[in-house]
N, C-alpha and C. Protein backbone atom coordinates (compact mmCIF):
# COMPACT_ATOMS: atom_id res chain seq x y z
N MET A 1 130.10 77.86 38.71
CA MET A 1 130.43 76.73 39.46
C MET A 1 128.73 76.29 39.85
N PRO A 2 128.64 74.94 39.38
CA PRO A 2 127.27 74.41 39.58
C PRO A 2 126.73 74.36 41.01
N LYS A 3 125.38 74.65 40.92
CA LYS A 3 124.58 74.93 42.12
C LYS A 3 124.46 73.11 42.48
N PRO A 4 124.40 73.27 44.13
CA PRO A 4 124.46 71.43 44.51
C PRO A 4 122.68 71.11 44.24
N ALA A 5 122.80 69.76 43.94
CA ALA A 5 121.28 69.52 43.76
C ALA A 5 120.19 69.77 44.98
N MET A 6 119.26 69.84 45.24
CA MET A 6 118.64 69.74 46.45
C MET A 6 118.18 68.13 46.65
N PRO A 7 118.30 68.02 47.92
CA PRO A 7 118.11 66.74 48.33
C PRO A 7 116.56 66.10 47.89
N SER A 8 116.51 64.97 47.22
CA SER A 8 115.40 64.20 46.91
C SER A 8 115.14 62.75 47.26
N PRO A 9 114.36 62.44 48.26
CA PRO A 9 114.60 61.36 48.58
C PRO A 9 114.20 60.35 47.52
N LEU A 10 113.30 60.57 46.48
CA LEU A 10 113.06 59.75 45.37
C LEU A 10 114.26 59.48 44.67
N ARG A 11 115.08 60.60 43.87
CA ARG A 11 116.25 60.62 43.45
C ARG A 11 117.41 59.91 44.09
N ASP A 12 117.46 60.05 45.39
CA ASP A 12 118.69 59.32 46.26
C ASP A 12 118.37 57.81 46.26
N ALA A 13 116.88 57.43 46.42
CA ALA A 13 116.48 55.95 46.60
C ALA A 13 116.62 55.45 45.24
N ALA A 14 116.36 56.21 44.23
CA ALA A 14 116.44 55.68 42.86
C ALA A 14 117.73 55.32 42.64
N GLU A 15 118.89 56.10 43.15
CA GLU A 15 120.40 56.16 42.53
C GLU A 15 120.89 55.05 43.60
N ALA A 16 120.32 54.88 44.84
CA ALA A 16 120.66 53.92 45.86
C ALA A 16 120.44 52.51 45.01
N LEU A 17 119.55 52.26 44.47
CA LEU A 17 118.93 51.01 43.97
C LEU A 17 119.53 50.71 42.86
N ASP A 18 120.04 51.61 42.07
CA ASP A 18 120.62 52.03 40.71
C ASP A 18 122.23 50.97 41.17
N ARG A 19 122.92 51.82 41.94
CA ARG A 19 124.14 51.43 42.30
C ARG A 19 124.20 50.16 43.09
N GLU A 20 123.16 49.62 43.58
CA GLU A 20 123.10 48.21 44.20
C GLU A 20 122.75 47.38 43.35
N LEU A 21 122.29 47.37 42.08
CA LEU A 21 121.82 46.90 40.70
C LEU A 21 123.18 46.71 40.03
N GLU A 22 123.62 47.43 39.78
CA GLU A 22 125.14 47.52 39.13
C GLU A 22 126.23 46.47 39.83
N ARG A 23 126.02 46.74 41.33
CA ARG A 23 126.89 45.64 42.01
C ARG A 23 126.70 44.61 41.90
N TYR A 24 125.21 44.26 41.68
CA TYR A 24 124.91 42.82 41.99
C TYR A 24 124.86 42.26 40.61
N ALA A 25 124.91 43.04 39.67
CA ALA A 25 125.32 42.52 38.08
C ALA A 25 126.52 42.14 38.06
N ALA A 26 127.79 43.04 38.59
CA ALA A 26 129.46 42.83 38.45
C ALA A 26 129.37 41.60 38.98
N LEU A 27 128.58 41.33 40.36
CA LEU A 27 129.11 40.56 41.29
C LEU A 27 128.52 39.01 40.65
N ALA A 28 127.67 39.19 39.84
CA ALA A 28 127.08 37.98 38.93
C ALA A 28 128.13 37.55 37.59
N ALA A 29 128.42 38.51 37.39
CA ALA A 29 129.39 38.55 35.98
C ALA A 29 130.74 37.73 36.55
N GLU A 30 131.06 38.07 37.72
CA GLU A 30 132.67 37.68 38.19
C GLU A 30 132.24 35.84 38.51
N LEU A 31 131.22 35.97 38.98
CA LEU A 31 130.51 34.46 39.53
C LEU A 31 130.51 33.73 38.07
N ARG A 32 129.96 34.34 36.84
CA ARG A 32 130.12 33.45 35.92
C ARG A 32 131.21 33.29 35.36
N ARG A 33 132.42 34.36 35.47
CA ARG A 33 133.78 33.92 34.99
C ARG A 33 134.34 32.76 35.84
N GLU A 34 134.06 32.93 36.97
CA GLU A 34 134.73 31.92 38.03
C GLU A 34 134.64 30.56 37.76
N PRO A 35 135.75 29.80 37.32
CA PRO A 35 135.69 28.51 36.83
C PRO A 35 135.17 27.34 37.99
N ALA A 36 135.39 27.56 39.21
CA ALA A 36 134.86 26.76 40.24
C ALA A 36 135.69 25.26 40.19
N THR A 37 137.06 25.58 39.73
CA THR A 37 137.68 24.27 39.32
C THR A 37 138.88 24.08 40.42
N THR A 38 138.90 25.09 41.35
CA THR A 38 139.94 24.67 42.51
C THR A 38 139.55 25.16 43.80
N GLU A 39 139.96 24.59 44.80
CA GLU A 39 140.02 25.22 45.93
C GLU A 39 139.42 26.62 46.08
N LYS A 40 140.64 27.50 45.40
CA LYS A 40 140.84 28.63 45.64
C LYS A 40 139.74 29.46 44.78
N SER A 41 139.22 28.86 43.71
CA SER A 41 138.35 29.19 43.16
C SER A 41 136.89 29.36 43.55
N LEU A 42 136.94 27.78 43.90
CA LEU A 42 135.45 27.72 45.02
C LEU A 42 135.54 28.44 46.21
N ARG A 43 136.38 28.97 46.93
CA ARG A 43 136.30 29.99 47.77
C ARG A 43 135.96 30.86 47.58
N ARG A 44 136.66 31.83 46.11
CA ARG A 44 136.06 32.80 45.68
C ARG A 44 134.78 32.99 45.05
N SER A 45 134.40 31.89 44.58
CA SER A 45 132.68 31.48 44.32
C SER A 45 132.06 31.70 45.51
N ALA A 46 132.20 31.22 46.71
CA ALA A 46 131.59 31.31 47.72
C ALA A 46 131.24 32.71 48.21
N ARG A 47 132.48 33.35 48.38
CA ARG A 47 132.51 34.86 48.84
C ARG A 47 131.61 35.79 47.81
N LEU A 48 131.58 35.44 46.81
CA LEU A 48 130.93 35.93 45.39
C LEU A 48 129.63 35.88 45.78
N LEU A 49 129.07 34.48 46.07
CA LEU A 49 127.65 34.07 46.27
C LEU A 49 127.49 34.70 47.78
N GLN A 50 128.07 34.95 48.67
CA GLN A 50 127.96 35.89 49.87
C GLN A 50 127.80 37.40 49.60
N GLY A 51 128.30 37.51 48.48
CA GLY A 51 128.23 39.11 48.36
C GLY A 51 127.21 39.44 47.62
N LEU A 52 126.53 38.31 46.85
CA LEU A 52 125.48 38.33 46.14
C LEU A 52 124.07 38.43 47.02
N ALA A 53 124.14 37.38 48.21
CA ALA A 53 123.05 37.48 48.87
C ALA A 53 123.04 38.66 49.74
N GLU A 54 124.00 39.11 50.38
CA GLU A 54 124.26 40.66 51.04
C GLU A 54 123.69 41.65 49.91
N THR A 55 123.85 41.71 49.07
CA THR A 55 123.22 42.50 47.68
C THR A 55 121.74 42.40 47.57
N GLU A 56 121.41 41.35 47.47
CA GLU A 56 119.84 40.92 47.29
C GLU A 56 119.07 41.65 48.54
N GLN A 57 119.66 41.35 49.65
CA GLN A 57 119.08 42.17 50.97
C GLN A 57 119.08 43.82 50.78
N LEU A 58 120.29 44.39 50.68
CA LEU A 58 120.27 45.69 50.16
C LEU A 58 119.38 46.14 49.09
N LEU A 59 119.32 45.33 48.07
CA LEU A 59 118.25 45.52 47.32
C LEU A 59 116.74 45.57 47.31
N GLY A 60 116.63 44.82 48.14
CA GLY A 60 115.23 44.65 48.80
C GLY A 60 114.87 45.96 49.73
N GLN A 61 116.15 46.48 50.56
CA GLN A 61 115.76 47.60 51.43
C GLN A 61 115.86 48.65 50.67
N HIS A 62 116.49 48.86 49.84
CA HIS A 62 116.46 50.16 48.61
C HIS A 62 115.26 50.08 47.84
N LEU A 63 114.92 49.19 47.12
CA LEU A 63 113.41 49.14 46.50
C LEU A 63 112.35 49.44 47.58
N GLY A 64 112.46 49.23 48.75
CA GLY A 64 111.32 49.48 49.93
C GLY A 64 111.48 50.92 49.63
N ARG A 65 112.78 51.55 49.99
CA ARG A 65 112.95 52.70 50.18
C ARG A 65 112.23 53.57 48.95
N LEU A 66 112.55 53.03 47.81
CA LEU A 66 112.17 53.67 46.55
C LEU A 66 110.71 53.73 46.43
N VAL A 67 109.93 52.49 46.86
CA VAL A 67 108.35 52.49 46.69
C VAL A 67 108.03 53.78 47.87
N ARG A 68 108.53 53.78 49.18
CA ARG A 68 107.95 54.78 49.69
C ARG A 68 108.27 55.99 49.40
N ALA A 69 109.38 56.32 48.79
CA ALA A 69 109.78 57.96 48.10
C ALA A 69 108.56 57.58 47.37
N ILE A 70 108.33 56.92 46.06
CA ILE A 70 107.36 57.11 44.93
C ILE A 70 105.93 57.39 45.74
N ASP A 71 105.63 56.85 46.86
CA ASP A 71 104.42 57.06 47.49
C ASP A 71 104.35 58.15 48.12
N THR A 72 105.21 59.04 48.49
CA THR A 72 105.27 60.24 48.82
C THR A 72 105.22 60.97 48.08
N ARG A 73 105.82 61.11 47.08
CA ARG A 73 105.64 61.93 45.90
C ARG A 73 104.26 61.46 45.35
N ARG A 74 103.50 60.65 45.00
CA ARG A 74 102.24 60.39 44.86
C ARG A 74 101.40 61.01 45.76
N GLU A 75 101.49 60.79 46.99
CA GLU A 75 100.62 61.88 47.92
C GLU A 75 100.75 63.30 47.37
N GLN A 76 102.47 63.70 47.38
CA GLN A 76 102.29 64.78 47.39
C GLN A 76 101.52 65.54 45.97
N GLN A 77 101.80 64.97 44.98
CA GLN A 77 101.30 64.89 43.47
C GLN A 77 99.70 64.89 43.68
N GLU A 78 98.99 64.19 44.21
CA GLU A 78 97.59 64.34 44.55
C GLU A 78 97.27 65.17 45.49
N ALA A 79 97.83 65.51 46.54
CA ALA A 79 97.43 66.86 47.02
C ALA A 79 97.74 68.21 46.27
N ALA A 80 98.66 68.24 45.65
CA ALA A 80 99.14 69.37 44.53
C ALA A 80 97.69 69.53 43.57
N THR A 81 97.33 68.39 43.03
CA THR A 81 96.02 68.55 41.96
C THR A 81 94.86 68.77 42.41
N ALA A 82 94.57 68.07 44.03
CA ALA A 82 93.54 68.59 44.61
C ALA A 82 93.80 70.15 44.75
N GLU A 83 94.51 70.76 45.15
CA GLU A 83 95.03 72.39 45.41
C GLU A 83 94.92 72.89 44.06
N VAL A 84 95.32 72.51 42.87
CA VAL A 84 95.03 72.71 41.58
C VAL A 84 93.72 72.95 41.27
N GLN A 85 92.81 72.06 41.57
CA GLN A 85 91.54 71.82 41.14
C GLN A 85 90.52 72.90 41.91
N ASN A 86 91.10 73.11 43.19
CA ASN A 86 90.20 74.14 44.24
C ASN A 86 90.37 75.08 43.54
N LEU A 87 91.89 75.64 43.31
CA LEU A 87 92.04 76.97 42.83
C LEU A 87 91.26 77.17 41.19
N ALA A 88 91.48 76.16 40.43
CA ALA A 88 90.90 76.49 39.32
C ALA A 88 89.31 76.80 39.46
N ALA A 89 88.81 75.75 40.56
CA ALA A 89 87.34 76.48 40.43
C ALA A 89 87.21 77.70 41.32
N LEU A 90 88.05 78.42 42.00
CA LEU A 90 88.21 79.68 42.67
C LEU A 90 88.27 80.69 41.35
N VAL A 91 89.42 80.54 40.58
CA VAL A 91 89.45 81.27 39.18
C VAL A 91 88.07 81.44 38.61
N GLN A 92 87.72 80.16 38.00
CA GLN A 92 86.47 79.87 37.65
C GLN A 92 85.35 80.61 38.23
N ALA A 93 85.08 80.67 39.49
CA ALA A 93 84.01 81.79 40.26
C ALA A 93 84.33 83.08 40.02
N ARG A 94 85.67 83.26 40.14
CA ARG A 94 85.91 84.68 40.11
C ARG A 94 85.78 85.57 38.79
N SER A 95 86.03 84.68 37.79
CA SER A 95 85.92 85.26 36.61
C SER A 95 84.46 85.33 36.22
N GLN A 96 83.74 84.53 36.68
CA GLN A 96 82.12 84.46 36.24
C GLN A 96 81.98 85.86 36.91
N LEU A 97 81.88 86.19 38.61
CA LEU A 97 81.71 87.33 39.09
C LEU A 97 82.32 88.17 38.54
N PHE A 98 83.43 88.40 38.04
CA PHE A 98 84.32 89.94 37.23
C PHE A 98 83.44 89.65 36.00
N GLY A 99 82.96 88.67 35.52
CA GLY A 99 81.70 88.92 34.08
C GLY A 99 80.55 89.55 34.46
N GLN A 100 79.95 89.12 35.65
CA GLN A 100 78.56 89.39 36.15
C GLN A 100 78.62 91.15 36.42
N LEU A 101 80.15 91.43 36.90
CA LEU A 101 79.81 92.83 37.55
C LEU A 101 80.49 93.69 36.09
N LEU A 102 81.08 93.17 35.33
CA LEU A 102 81.09 94.22 33.89
C LEU A 102 79.74 94.03 33.10
N GLU A 103 78.86 92.69 32.91
CA GLU A 103 77.65 93.19 32.48
C GLU A 103 76.82 94.02 33.17
N ARG A 104 76.79 94.14 34.63
CA ARG A 104 76.01 95.12 35.32
C ARG A 104 76.41 96.73 35.08
N CYS A 105 77.73 96.85 35.12
CA CYS A 105 78.44 98.16 34.54
C CYS A 105 77.79 98.62 33.29
N ASP A 106 78.30 97.63 32.51
CA ASP A 106 77.71 97.93 30.95
C ASP A 106 76.02 98.36 30.62
N ALA A 107 75.48 97.39 31.12
CA ALA A 107 73.71 98.02 31.63
C ALA A 107 73.80 99.16 31.86
N LEU A 108 74.42 99.23 33.15
CA LEU A 108 74.41 100.63 33.94
C LEU A 108 74.78 102.18 32.78
N ALA A 109 75.87 101.49 32.30
CA ALA A 109 76.28 102.58 31.43
C ALA A 109 75.57 103.21 30.27
N LYS A 110 75.14 102.29 29.81
CA LYS A 110 73.81 102.23 28.69
C LYS A 110 72.79 102.89 29.34
N ARG A 111 72.20 102.62 30.18
CA ARG A 111 71.05 103.33 30.84
C ARG A 111 71.11 104.60 31.44
N ALA A 112 72.55 104.87 31.82
CA ALA A 112 72.98 106.47 31.79
C ALA A 112 73.00 107.34 30.73
N ALA A 113 73.49 106.77 29.69
CA ALA A 113 73.65 107.30 28.70
C ALA A 113 72.19 107.74 27.64
N HIS A 114 71.51 106.56 28.23
CA HIS A 114 70.05 107.12 27.69
C HIS A 114 69.54 107.91 28.83
N ALA A 115 69.57 108.05 29.87
CA ALA A 115 69.04 109.14 30.75
C ALA A 115 69.71 110.47 30.30
N SER A 116 71.23 110.60 30.07
CA SER A 116 71.53 111.92 29.83
C SER A 116 70.79 112.21 28.54
N ALA A 117 70.69 111.09 27.41
CA ALA A 117 70.16 111.49 26.24
C ALA A 117 68.92 112.36 26.24
N SER A 118 68.16 111.47 27.24
CA SER A 118 66.48 111.95 27.20
C SER A 118 66.47 113.38 28.21
N LEU A 119 67.27 113.33 29.05
CA LEU A 119 67.39 114.92 29.67
C LEU A 119 67.39 115.90 28.77
N GLN A 120 68.45 115.45 28.11
CA GLN A 120 69.06 116.62 26.90
C GLN A 120 68.01 117.15 26.50
N GLN A 121 67.47 116.12 25.44
CA GLN A 121 66.35 116.12 24.75
C GLN A 121 65.23 116.84 25.48
N ARG A 122 65.04 116.44 26.68
CA ARG A 122 63.91 117.37 27.45
C ARG A 122 64.11 118.57 27.81
N ALA A 123 65.29 118.99 28.06
CA ALA A 123 65.77 120.31 27.85
C ALA A 123 65.77 121.36 27.06
N GLY A 124 65.67 120.66 25.85
CA GLY A 124 65.43 121.32 24.76
C GLY A 124 64.09 121.55 24.25
N ASP A 125 63.20 120.63 24.86
CA ASP A 125 61.59 120.66 24.52
C ASP A 125 61.46 121.90 24.65
N GLU A 126 60.52 122.90 24.40
CA GLU A 126 59.55 123.92 25.11
C GLU A 126 58.28 123.48 25.25
N THR A 127 57.75 122.54 26.04
CA THR A 127 56.42 122.04 26.30
C THR A 127 55.87 122.82 27.29
N GLU A 128 54.73 122.26 27.73
CA GLU A 128 54.01 122.83 28.94
C GLU A 128 54.76 122.66 30.28
N ALA A 129 54.84 123.74 31.17
CA ALA A 129 55.59 123.48 32.20
C ALA A 129 55.05 122.35 33.29
N GLU A 130 53.98 122.04 33.07
CA GLU A 130 53.63 120.41 34.19
C GLU A 130 54.12 119.47 33.26
N ALA A 131 54.35 119.39 32.08
CA ALA A 131 54.52 118.63 31.49
C ALA A 131 56.26 118.29 31.55
N SER A 132 57.06 119.68 31.71
CA SER A 132 58.48 119.43 31.46
C SER A 132 58.68 119.39 33.17
N LEU A 133 58.02 119.68 34.13
CA LEU A 133 58.42 119.29 35.78
C LEU A 133 58.29 118.07 35.23
N ALA A 134 57.19 117.27 35.02
CA ALA A 134 56.75 115.82 35.12
C ALA A 134 57.93 115.05 34.48
N ALA A 135 58.34 115.43 33.44
CA ALA A 135 59.88 114.81 32.66
C ALA A 135 60.99 114.57 33.58
N LEU A 136 60.97 116.07 34.08
CA LEU A 136 62.40 116.23 35.15
C LEU A 136 62.14 115.51 36.17
N GLU A 137 61.11 115.25 36.39
CA GLU A 137 60.95 114.20 37.98
C GLU A 137 61.25 112.67 37.42
N LEU A 138 60.41 112.55 36.35
CA LEU A 138 60.98 111.08 35.96
C LEU A 138 62.17 110.82 35.86
N THR A 139 62.98 111.95 35.16
CA THR A 139 64.48 111.65 34.91
C THR A 139 65.26 111.93 36.08
N ALA A 140 64.78 112.28 37.19
CA ALA A 140 65.61 112.47 38.29
C ALA A 140 65.15 111.04 39.32
N ALA A 141 63.95 110.68 39.12
CA ALA A 141 63.46 109.48 39.69
C ALA A 141 64.92 108.00 39.29
N GLY A 142 65.03 108.32 37.70
CA GLY A 142 65.60 107.66 36.85
C GLY A 142 67.21 107.42 37.34
N LEU A 143 67.72 108.78 37.68
CA LEU A 143 68.98 108.77 37.91
C LEU A 143 69.19 108.72 39.16
N GLU A 144 68.42 108.64 40.31
CA GLU A 144 68.21 108.01 41.71
C GLU A 144 68.63 106.64 41.93
N GLU A 145 67.47 105.86 40.40
CA GLU A 145 67.75 104.26 40.48
C GLU A 145 69.30 104.25 40.02
N LEU A 146 69.78 104.64 39.04
CA LEU A 146 70.95 104.44 38.56
C LEU A 146 72.14 104.57 39.52
N ALA A 147 72.02 105.55 40.22
CA ALA A 147 72.66 106.17 41.28
C ALA A 147 73.30 104.69 42.31
N LEU A 148 71.53 104.38 42.75
CA LEU A 148 71.58 102.96 43.59
C LEU A 148 72.21 102.07 42.77
N GLU A 149 71.92 101.46 41.68
CA GLU A 149 72.47 100.40 41.07
C GLU A 149 74.11 100.70 40.71
N ALA A 150 74.61 101.62 40.85
CA ALA A 150 76.20 102.17 40.70
C ALA A 150 76.78 101.59 42.21
N GLU A 151 75.77 102.01 43.00
CA GLU A 151 76.34 101.97 44.39
C GLU A 151 76.34 100.49 44.99
N SER A 152 75.27 99.52 44.14
CA SER A 152 75.31 98.12 44.63
C SER A 152 76.29 97.61 43.75
N ILE A 153 76.53 97.64 42.57
CA ILE A 153 77.45 97.01 42.20
C ILE A 153 79.22 97.39 42.47
N GLY A 154 79.13 98.56 43.08
CA GLY A 154 80.28 98.79 44.10
C GLY A 154 80.38 98.18 45.09
N VAL A 155 79.55 97.90 45.75
CA VAL A 155 79.58 96.79 47.08
C VAL A 155 79.58 95.65 46.81
N ALA A 156 79.31 95.21 45.78
CA ALA A 156 79.28 93.76 45.04
C ALA A 156 81.11 93.48 44.70
N ALA A 157 81.60 94.70 44.25
CA ALA A 157 82.88 94.59 43.80
C ALA A 157 83.57 94.46 44.86
N ARG A 158 83.50 95.41 46.03
CA ARG A 158 84.11 95.43 46.95
C ARG A 158 84.27 93.91 47.70
N ASP A 159 83.16 93.71 47.85
CA ASP A 159 83.11 92.63 48.62
C ASP A 159 83.66 91.12 47.73
N GLY A 160 83.56 91.24 46.26
CA GLY A 160 84.09 89.98 45.29
C GLY A 160 85.84 90.45 45.37
N ASN A 161 86.24 91.48 46.10
CA ASN A 161 87.77 92.26 45.77
C ASN A 161 88.23 92.48 44.67
N PHE A 162 87.23 93.26 43.93
CA PHE A 162 87.94 93.90 42.56
C PHE A 162 87.42 95.10 42.89
N PRO A 163 88.81 95.72 43.31
CA PRO A 163 89.07 97.35 43.91
C PRO A 163 88.88 98.18 42.73
N ASP A 164 89.14 97.75 41.30
CA ASP A 164 89.28 98.60 40.30
C ASP A 164 87.47 98.81 39.66
N VAL A 165 86.85 97.73 39.81
CA VAL A 165 85.65 97.94 39.59
C VAL A 165 84.62 98.73 40.94
N ALA A 166 85.19 98.50 41.68
CA ALA A 166 84.37 99.24 43.01
C ALA A 166 84.72 100.43 42.82
N ARG A 167 86.22 101.26 42.31
CA ARG A 167 86.27 102.72 42.19
C ARG A 167 85.78 102.87 41.09
N GLN A 168 85.31 102.43 39.85
CA GLN A 168 85.02 103.13 38.74
C GLN A 168 83.29 103.23 39.07
N THR A 169 82.84 102.47 39.82
CA THR A 169 81.51 102.59 40.02
C THR A 169 81.32 103.70 41.29
N ASP A 170 81.82 103.77 42.29
CA ASP A 170 81.90 104.70 43.09
C ASP A 170 81.98 106.14 42.63
N GLY A 171 82.88 106.15 41.70
CA GLY A 171 82.95 107.38 40.60
C GLY A 171 81.83 107.91 40.01
N LEU A 172 81.35 106.73 39.65
CA LEU A 172 79.83 106.55 38.76
C LEU A 172 78.55 107.39 39.84
N HIS A 173 78.75 106.38 40.65
CA HIS A 173 77.71 106.96 41.47
C HIS A 173 77.76 108.35 42.10
N ALA A 174 78.97 108.76 42.34
CA ALA A 174 79.08 110.36 42.67
C ALA A 174 78.63 111.15 41.61
N GLN A 175 78.82 110.86 40.49
CA GLN A 175 78.41 111.54 39.61
C GLN A 175 77.13 111.54 39.04
N LEU A 176 76.35 110.00 39.27
CA LEU A 176 74.68 110.09 39.36
C LEU A 176 74.12 110.89 40.35
N THR A 177 74.38 110.61 41.73
CA THR A 177 74.28 111.16 42.94
C THR A 177 74.06 112.74 42.43
N SER A 178 75.66 113.32 42.15
CA SER A 178 75.52 114.82 41.83
C SER A 178 74.48 115.19 40.87
N ALA A 179 74.23 114.50 39.91
CA ALA A 179 73.29 114.81 38.78
C ALA A 179 72.08 114.80 39.36
N HIS A 180 71.62 113.74 40.04
CA HIS A 180 70.24 113.68 40.48
C HIS A 180 69.85 114.61 41.48
N GLN A 181 70.73 115.35 42.50
CA GLN A 181 70.79 116.61 43.45
C GLN A 181 70.38 117.65 42.65
N LYS A 182 70.94 117.52 41.56
CA LYS A 182 71.22 119.15 40.79
C LYS A 182 69.85 119.10 40.14
N LEU A 183 69.14 118.04 39.85
CA LEU A 183 67.77 117.68 38.90
C LEU A 183 66.64 118.08 39.78
N VAL A 184 66.68 117.60 40.88
CA VAL A 184 65.83 117.68 41.90
C VAL A 184 65.95 119.16 42.60
N ALA A 185 66.78 119.93 42.83
CA ALA A 185 66.84 121.43 42.86
C ALA A 185 66.34 121.89 41.54
N THR A 186 66.75 121.69 40.42
CA THR A 186 65.99 122.25 39.31
C THR A 186 64.31 122.08 39.31
N CYS A 187 64.25 121.05 39.24
CA CYS A 187 62.87 120.59 39.78
C CYS A 187 61.98 121.53 41.04
N GLU A 188 62.86 121.82 42.03
CA GLU A 188 62.30 122.74 42.77
C GLU A 188 62.00 124.10 42.53
N ARG A 189 63.20 124.66 41.88
CA ARG A 189 63.10 126.14 41.41
C ARG A 189 61.95 125.94 40.36
N PHE A 190 61.83 125.23 39.43
CA PHE A 190 60.69 124.76 38.32
C PHE A 190 59.34 125.09 39.02
N ARG A 191 59.11 124.62 40.21
CA ARG A 191 57.67 124.63 41.19
C ARG A 191 57.60 125.83 41.16
N GLN A 192 58.89 126.54 41.80
CA GLN A 192 58.49 127.70 42.62
C GLN A 192 58.62 129.21 41.49
N GLY A 193 58.68 128.49 40.15
CA GLY A 193 58.88 129.35 38.92
C GLY A 193 60.04 130.32 38.87
N ARG A 194 61.26 129.71 39.38
CA ARG A 194 62.37 130.23 39.17
C ARG A 194 63.35 129.92 38.69
N VAL A 195 62.94 128.77 37.58
CA VAL A 195 63.80 127.97 36.74
C VAL A 195 64.56 128.84 35.79
N VAL A 196 65.67 129.00 35.56
CA VAL A 196 66.55 129.74 34.82
C VAL A 196 67.04 129.00 33.60
N HIS A 197 66.79 129.42 32.31
CA HIS A 197 67.32 128.21 31.15
C HIS A 197 68.46 128.98 30.82
């Protein structure tokens, strides 16, 4: 069983106008066929003319109703278009923000990988104690800076309502903070002469 069509003022007005136009055409066709040669025929022609006049009035009413329905639809379409334009601008802005967050994450990941490689290289070097301590402290400062950047990206991601990026950067922030704390502790042990290789 087909679903009944939803009410539509535009469709209803167009259908009513169409019906009235068909009625007008039918009355005009009858009037054309009426010979108007007898009294009966003249009375019938008068009735047809009366019907045509009434139909013309109804046509005007239906046409007005159709114009109002078209205006309403046009206004609805304009409102929908304005909303779509606003949504498109929002999506574009969010895409741009997401792209910036990803760029920052990528740069942070590269810097973290570089810091990790540098730390491993320094750990393998057997240089003077003071140079090793300075290198470790420099690496610790770099890790702290990376942890702060990860935290900053996480805040921006939460503010921008990107929870996945926020979770990832929170995890990276925790790892970098932990690595920084361990390195600071190693530096302290190094100063005290208790570094264990």
